[in-house]
Structures are given as C-alpha cells and as structure tokens.
Amino acid sequence: MLTNSQGFKRFFELYFEPVYRFVRKYTEEDAIARDITQDTFIRLYERRRDFDVPEKAKSFIYITARNLCLDHLKHQKIKQQYQQTQSVSEAKDPDFLHEITYQETLRILHQAIDTLPPQTRKIMHELNANPTPV
C-alpha cells in the first residue's frame, strides 16, 4: 500500500489536511503546524515498508504528530524560561555587559603588561596601582 509511490501519494493527499488541523490545535501557528505535519509524513515515508495496512499508518502519523507537537511545546517552554531568566539577570544588573567587557579588557591588558621587559612591567604595575587623575 505505502511501498509504492502512488499508494503513498494517495495516503498523503488523504491525511495531510486532517493531520495538519490536528497539529494546528496544538501549535496555534500555521508555519509550525505545516513543518510538523511535513516532518510527520517524512517519518512515515522513511518507515513506509513497516505498514502493510492503512490503519497502522494512520495510527503512526497521529501518534508521531502528537509527539512532535509535544516536543515543540517543551522546547518553546524551555526557550521561554531561558529568555525570562536572561531578562531577570539583565534587570538586576543593567551594566552586566559593560562589566564583562571591562573585565575582559583588563585581563588582556594585564597579559600584555606581563610580556613587557621586567623594568617596563614594574613601571606599568606602579602606574596601574597609583593612577593619576587626568
């Protein structure tokens, strides 16, 4: 049934829209629902030889579509939690990026000073320890 291209094409044409509507209820987004529906049928196509009767293939596509939807929703939830965590971190310390940049610049400066000849290095360390106002 699904092993030949005509059989698979008929099955696809018969079930694509119902599976899409099923997925759309979970995702509430057209593009994502289409992607998940396509992924569902790709997985069916890859395993088409395992299904000798249409009922097994139909069960497979609905279970696969549901699982892909749940995976998508879990991913979205994790992504949302991460974004909220980032927002909270940035709200607590608005100069967070500035501080990281400053610390990295200091680290690079100290590395460069450490490569200088001993006498020059000593002078640079003294200048850094006792900065004069400009």
Protein backbone atom coordinates (compact mmCIF):
# COMPACT_ATOMS: atom_id res chain seq x y z
CA MET A 1 0.00 0.00 0.00
CA LEU A 2 2.55 2.63 1.08
CA THR A 3 5.50 0.89 -0.53
CA ASN A 4 4.75 2.24 -4.00
CA SER A 5 4.78 5.94 -4.78
CA GLN A 6 1.13 6.05 -5.90
CA GLY A 7 -0.08 4.45 -2.67
CA PHE A 8 1.97 6.81 -0.53
CA LYS A 9 0.82 9.81 -2.57
CA ARG A 10 -2.86 8.83 -2.11
CA PHE A 11 -2.33 8.34 1.63
CA PHE A 12 -0.55 11.70 1.87
CA GLU A 13 -3.32 13.51 -0.02
CA LEU A 14 -5.98 11.86 2.13
CA TYR A 15 -4.41 12.59 5.52
CA PHE A 16 -2.25 15.71 5.16
CA GLU A 17 -5.03 18.22 5.91
CA PRO A 18 -6.57 16.29 8.83
CA VAL A 19 -3.14 15.83 10.42
CA TYR A 20 -2.34 19.50 9.78
CA ARG A 21 -5.57 20.58 11.54
CA PHE A 22 -4.78 18.22 14.42
CA VAL A 23 -1.28 19.71 14.78
CA ARG A 24 -2.58 23.27 14.37
CA LYS A 25 -4.68 22.84 17.52
CA TYR A 26 -1.51 22.14 19.50
CA THR A 27 0.78 24.76 17.96
CA GLU A 28 -1.61 27.60 17.09
CA GLU A 29 0.82 28.67 14.34
CA ASP A 30 0.39 27.84 10.66
CA ALA A 31 4.06 27.63 9.70
CA ILE A 32 5.00 25.44 12.65
CA ALA A 33 1.96 23.23 12.09
CA ARG A 34 2.95 22.74 8.44
CA ASP A 35 6.55 21.93 9.41
CA ILE A 36 5.47 19.38 12.00
CA THR A 37 2.98 17.83 9.58
CA GLN A 38 5.70 17.55 6.93
CA ASP A 39 8.10 16.00 9.45
CA THR A 40 5.38 13.51 10.36
CA PHE A 41 4.98 12.40 6.76
CA ILE A 42 8.74 12.28 6.24
CA ARG A 43 8.99 9.87 9.17
CA LEU A 44 6.16 7.81 7.72
CA TYR A 45 7.89 7.74 4.34
CA GLU A 46 11.13 6.56 5.95
CA ARG A 47 9.25 3.68 7.60
CA ARG A 48 6.66 3.05 4.89
CA ARG A 49 7.69 -0.59 4.47
CA ASP A 50 6.63 -1.28 8.07
CA PHE A 51 2.96 -0.60 7.33
CA ASP A 52 1.01 -3.23 5.46
CA VAL A 53 -2.43 -1.77 6.23
CA PRO A 54 -3.55 1.87 6.19
CA GLU A 55 -4.89 1.74 9.76
CA LYS A 56 -1.40 1.15 11.16
CA ALA A 57 -0.01 4.02 9.11
CA LYS A 58 -2.85 6.27 10.23
CA SER A 59 -2.16 5.48 13.89
CA PHE A 60 1.53 6.08 13.30
CA ILE A 61 1.05 9.53 11.79
CA TYR A 62 -1.25 10.75 14.55
CA ILE A 63 1.00 9.44 17.32
CA THR A 64 4.07 10.87 15.58
CA ALA A 65 2.36 14.23 15.03
CA ARG A 66 1.30 14.39 18.68
CA ASN A 67 4.81 13.53 19.89
CA LEU A 68 6.38 16.14 17.61
CA CYS A 69 3.90 18.73 18.90
CA LEU A 70 4.73 17.88 22.50
CA ASP A 71 8.45 18.11 21.72
CA HIS A 72 7.88 21.50 20.11
CA LEU A 73 5.87 22.75 23.09
CA LYS A 74 8.53 21.55 25.55
CA HIS A 75 11.20 23.32 23.51
CA GLN A 76 9.14 26.52 23.45
CA LYS A 77 8.65 26.36 27.23
CA ILE A 78 12.39 25.88 27.83
CA LYS A 79 13.16 28.73 25.45
CA GLN A 80 10.67 30.99 27.22
CA GLN A 81 12.09 30.13 30.65
CA TYR A 82 15.60 30.89 29.41
CA GLN A 83 14.52 34.25 28.00
CA GLN A 84 12.81 35.13 31.28
CA THR A 85 15.93 34.17 33.22
CA GLN A 86 18.05 36.34 30.93
CA SER A 87 15.68 39.27 31.34
CA VAL A 88 15.78 38.95 35.13
CA SER A 89 19.59 38.77 35.11
CA GLU A 90 19.86 41.85 32.93
CA ALA A 91 17.28 43.70 35.02
CA LYS A 92 19.22 43.01 38.22
CA ASP A 93 22.43 44.35 36.69
CA PRO A 94 21.85 46.64 33.71
CA ASP A 95 25.61 47.17 33.37
CA PHE A 96 26.20 43.43 33.10
CA LEU A 97 27.57 43.54 29.55
CA HIS A 98 29.66 46.61 30.32
CA GLU A 99 31.20 44.87 33.35
CA ILE A 100 32.04 41.75 31.34
CA THR A 101 33.67 43.86 28.63
CA TYR A 102 35.63 45.85 31.21
CA GLN A 103 36.90 42.72 32.98
CA GLU A 104 37.93 41.12 29.68
CA THR A 105 39.78 44.31 28.67
CA LEU A 106 41.64 44.34 32.00
CA ARG A 107 42.59 40.70 31.56
CA ILE A 108 44.02 41.38 28.09
CA LEU A 109 45.86 44.47 29.37
CA HIS A 110 47.47 42.51 32.21
CA GLN A 111 48.51 39.77 29.79
CA ALA A 112 50.14 42.38 27.56
CA ILE A 113 51.91 44.01 30.54
CA ASP A 114 53.24 40.61 31.62
CA THR A 115 55.03 40.26 28.27
CA LEU A 116 56.98 43.53 28.73
CA PRO A 117 60.61 43.64 29.89
CA PRO A 118 60.91 43.50 33.72
CA GLN A 119 61.67 47.21 34.30
CA THR A 120 58.86 48.38 31.98
CA ARG A 121 56.47 45.86 33.56
CA LYS A 122 57.33 47.24 37.03
CA ILE A 123 56.58 50.80 35.89
CA MET A 124 53.25 49.75 34.34
CA HIS A 125 52.20 47.92 37.52
CA GLU A 126 53.05 51.02 39.58
CA LEU A 127 51.06 53.23 37.20
CA ASN A 128 48.08 50.89 37.45
CA ALA A 129 48.34 50.76 41.25
CA ASN A 130 48.52 54.57 41.60
CA PRO A 131 46.55 56.11 38.72
CA THR A 132 46.84 59.86 38.38
CA PRO A 133 43.68 61.82 37.62
CA VAL A 134 43.54 63.23 34.13
